[in-house]
């Protein structure tokens, strides 16, 4: 029975190694969840403030090219901001 502790065959070193692996896996899962949460929160914040949306970018480009007047630009911007 050499090398076996309490009949399980792991010993203290084996149990600490297994605990370390579990903690490493849990840490990686938490890190990935945090990164995904941060990325989605940043995108939602940009949409909520109306900054960085495709519609606003198109509107700015049309105004810059002179395709629409300032009054049309302001009116369209107000409409876009009022949308949910």
C-alpha atoms as a PDB file:
ATOM      1  CA  UNK A   1       0.000   0.000   0.000  1.00  0.00           C
ATOM      2  CA  UNK A   2       2.851   2.369  -0.583  1.00  0.00           C
ATOM      3  CA  UNK A   3       1.901   5.675  -2.182  1.00  0.00           C
ATOM      4  CA  UNK A   4      -1.777   5.498  -1.299  1.00  0.00           C
ATOM      5  CA  UNK A   5      -3.268   7.891   1.253  1.00  0.00           C
ATOM      6  CA  UNK A   6      -6.615   7.040   2.738  1.00  0.00           C
ATOM      7  CA  UNK A   7      -7.168   4.428   0.039  1.00  0.00           C
ATOM      8  CA  UNK A   8      -7.847   6.990  -2.729  1.00  0.00           C
ATOM      9  CA  UNK A   9      -4.450   6.981  -4.403  1.00  0.00           C
ATOM     10  CA  UNK A  10      -4.177  10.786  -4.746  1.00  0.00           C
ATOM     11  CA  UNK A  11      -2.292  11.920  -1.700  1.00  0.00           C
ATOM     12  CA  UNK A  12      -2.096  15.544  -0.611  1.00  0.00           C
ATOM     13  CA  UNK A  13      -0.058  16.623  -3.638  1.00  0.00           C
ATOM     14  CA  UNK A  14      -2.558  15.121  -6.071  1.00  0.00           C
ATOM     15  CA  UNK A  15      -5.507  16.757  -4.363  1.00  0.00           C
ATOM     16  CA  UNK A  16      -3.768  20.158  -4.390  1.00  0.00           C
ATOM     17  CA  UNK A  17      -2.941  19.708  -8.085  1.00  0.00           C
ATOM     18  CA  UNK A  18      -6.606  18.895  -8.857  1.00  0.00           C
ATOM     19  CA  UNK A  19      -7.780  21.901  -6.826  1.00  0.00           C
ATOM     20  CA  UNK A  20      -5.338  24.147  -8.703  1.00  0.00           C
ATOM     21  CA  UNK A  21      -6.651  22.920 -12.061  1.00  0.00           C
ATOM     22  CA  UNK A  22     -10.252  23.532 -11.028  1.00  0.00           C
ATOM     23  CA  UNK A  23      -9.406  27.055  -9.846  1.00  0.00           C
ATOM     24  CA  UNK A  24      -7.597  27.750 -13.125  1.00  0.00           C
ATOM     25  CA  UNK A  25     -10.586  26.625 -15.193  1.00  0.00           C
ATOM     26  CA  UNK A  26     -13.023  28.648 -13.061  1.00  0.00           C
ATOM     27  CA  UNK A  27     -10.750  31.689 -13.380  1.00  0.00           C
ATOM     28  CA  UNK A  28     -10.657  31.374 -17.170  1.00  0.00           C
ATOM     29  CA  UNK A  29     -14.456  31.060 -17.353  1.00  0.00           C
ATOM     30  CA  UNK A  30     -14.879  34.168 -15.177  1.00  0.00           C
ATOM     31  CA  UNK A  31     -12.368  36.084 -17.325  1.00  0.00           C
ATOM     32  CA  UNK A  32     -14.180  35.188 -20.557  1.00  0.00           C
ATOM     33  CA  UNK A  33     -17.572  36.084 -19.035  1.00  0.00           C
ATOM     34  CA  UNK A  34     -16.195  39.445 -17.877  1.00  0.00           C
ATOM     35  CA  UNK A  35     -14.739  40.203 -21.314  1.00  0.00           C
ATOM     36  CA  UNK A  36     -17.996  39.341 -23.087  1.00  0.00           C
ATOM     37  CA  UNK A  37     -20.009  41.379 -20.600  1.00  0.00           C
ATOM     38  CA  UNK A  38     -17.733  44.389 -21.036  1.00  0.00           C
ATOM     39  CA  UNK A  39     -17.892  44.174 -24.835  1.00  0.00           C
ATOM     40  CA  UNK A  40     -21.687  43.933 -24.961  1.00  0.00           C
ATOM     41  CA  UNK A  41     -22.162  46.698 -22.380  1.00  0.00           C
ATOM     42  CA  UNK A  42     -19.908  49.034 -24.388  1.00  0.00           C
ATOM     43  CA  UNK A  43     -21.894  48.351 -27.590  1.00  0.00           C
ATOM     44  CA  UNK A  44     -25.226  48.872 -25.834  1.00  0.00           C
ATOM     45  CA  UNK A  45     -24.007  52.146 -24.340  1.00  0.00           C
ATOM     46  CA  UNK A  46     -23.034  53.449 -27.770  1.00  0.00           C
ATOM     47  CA  UNK A  47     -26.452  52.561 -29.161  1.00  0.00           C
ATOM     48  CA  UNK A  48     -28.260  54.101 -26.189  1.00  0.00           C
ATOM     49  CA  UNK A  49     -26.519  57.438 -26.629  1.00  0.00           C
ATOM     50  CA  UNK A  50     -27.060  57.380 -30.370  1.00  0.00           C
ATOM     51  CA  UNK A  51     -23.337  57.549 -31.102  1.00  0.00           C
ATOM     52  CA  UNK A  52     -21.633  55.286 -33.552  1.00  0.00           C
ATOM     53  CA  UNK A  53     -24.765  53.929 -35.204  1.00  0.00           C
ATOM     54  CA  UNK A  54     -24.810  53.259 -38.897  1.00  0.00           C
ATOM     55  CA  UNK A  55     -27.799  55.551 -39.477  1.00  0.00           C
ATOM     56  CA  UNK A  56     -26.042  58.500 -37.855  1.00  0.00           C
ATOM     57  CA  UNK A  57     -22.884  57.815 -39.838  1.00  0.00           C
ATOM     58  CA  UNK A  58     -24.839  57.796 -43.092  1.00  0.00           C
ATOM     59  CA  UNK A  59     -26.634  61.002 -42.125  1.00  0.00           C
ATOM     60  CA  UNK A  60     -23.349  62.756 -41.335  1.00  0.00           C
ATOM     61  CA  UNK A  61     -21.836  61.605 -44.622  1.00  0.00           C
ATOM     62  CA  UNK A  62     -24.819  62.829 -46.664  1.00  0.00           C
ATOM     63  CA  UNK A  63     -24.667  66.216 -44.937  1.00  0.00           C
ATOM     64  CA  UNK A  64     -20.912  66.429 -45.501  1.00  0.00           C
ATOM     65  CA  UNK A  65     -21.345  65.697 -49.222  1.00  0.00           C
ATOM     66  CA  UNK A  66     -24.032  68.388 -49.466  1.00  0.00           C
ATOM     67  CA  UNK A  67     -26.813  65.955 -50.396  1.00  0.00           C
ATOM     68  CA  UNK A  68     -29.079  67.318 -47.634  1.00  0.00           C
ATOM     69  CA  UNK A  69     -29.518  70.768 -46.127  1.00  0.00           C
ATOM     70  CA  UNK A  70     -28.800  71.689 -42.528  1.00  0.00           C
ATOM     71  CA  UNK A  71     -32.533  71.752 -41.743  1.00  0.00           C
ATOM     72  CA  UNK A  72     -32.943  68.236 -43.155  1.00  0.00           C
ATOM     73  CA  UNK A  73     -29.888  67.073 -41.216  1.00  0.00           C
ATOM     74  CA  UNK A  74     -31.231  68.463 -37.925  1.00  0.00           C
ATOM     75  CA  UNK A  75     -34.713  67.042 -38.547  1.00  0.00           C
ATOM     76  CA  UNK A  76     -33.367  63.588 -39.419  1.00  0.00           C
ATOM     77  CA  UNK A  77     -31.039  63.654 -36.400  1.00  0.00           C
ATOM     78  CA  UNK A  78     -33.983  64.425 -34.109  1.00  0.00           C
ATOM     79  CA  UNK A  79     -35.965  61.557 -35.602  1.00  0.00           C
ATOM     80  CA  UNK A  80     -33.075  59.146 -35.117  1.00  0.00           C
ATOM     81  CA  UNK A  81     -32.545  60.210 -31.513  1.00  0.00           C
ATOM     82  CA  UNK A  82     -36.230  59.778 -30.693  1.00  0.00           C
ATOM     83  CA  UNK A  83     -36.306  56.167 -31.926  1.00  0.00           C
ATOM     84  CA  UNK A  84     -36.070  53.483 -29.212  1.00  0.00           C
END
